[in-house]
Amino acid sequence: MKKNIGSKFALYPTPATVVGTVGEDGKVNFLLVAHVGIVSHSKLLVSMHNVHFSNQAVKATKKLSINLISEDWVAQADYAGTVSGAKVDKAKAFEYHLGENGTPVIEKSPLCMECEVIDTYCIDNFENFICEIKNTYIEENLLDANGKIDYNLLKPVLFEMPTYKYLRTGEVIGDCVKLGKEFAANLK
């Protein structure tokens, strides 16, 4: 028996990321963001509350980086979500370099995507940036023999709400499409 718990947003966990920006003044800033998602096979969404300092840089430059978090630096990433870039120089919290598209690539991040914002829409006090990926940087040891990302090795940290917890990723439980075909074969 299922219980109705009301209108709850129940699509968590989502990847925890640190978004990097460079303002028009050249100031680098970082922000912990877990509201990221896929909107097509070539575009993604980064949703940030409109009061964040980083939003100003994104709107001015139309650029940001998305740095996946690994377990060994989750405390640093969490810090980036607890203080404002308007008051604290968060660039000091991370070793980074500017990628080919001019956005901050965190050295400890196992995977980073440099993005350009192609559209923005606002809803419920969140600015939602639709982004096109310009560059993806990954540690080579996290690629399989075919050059594809091996998420068993990458193990991105996940964020879960409403309990505000970070989670480890799990193990592979099956192959997409293959499982469905096996199920279909058993229906006959």
Foldseek 3Di string as FASTA:
>chain_A
DDDDPDDDDPPDWAFWWWKWFAAPVRQIAIAIFRPKADDDPFKIKTKDQQVAPRVRRCVHPQKMKIFFDDPVCVVLNVVSHPDGVVVDRNVVSFDWDQDPVGTTDGPPGQKMWIWGFDDWDDDPRMIMTMTGTDDMDHDQVQADPVRHGNCVVNFTWIADPDVGDIDTDDDDDDDPPVVVVVVVVVVD
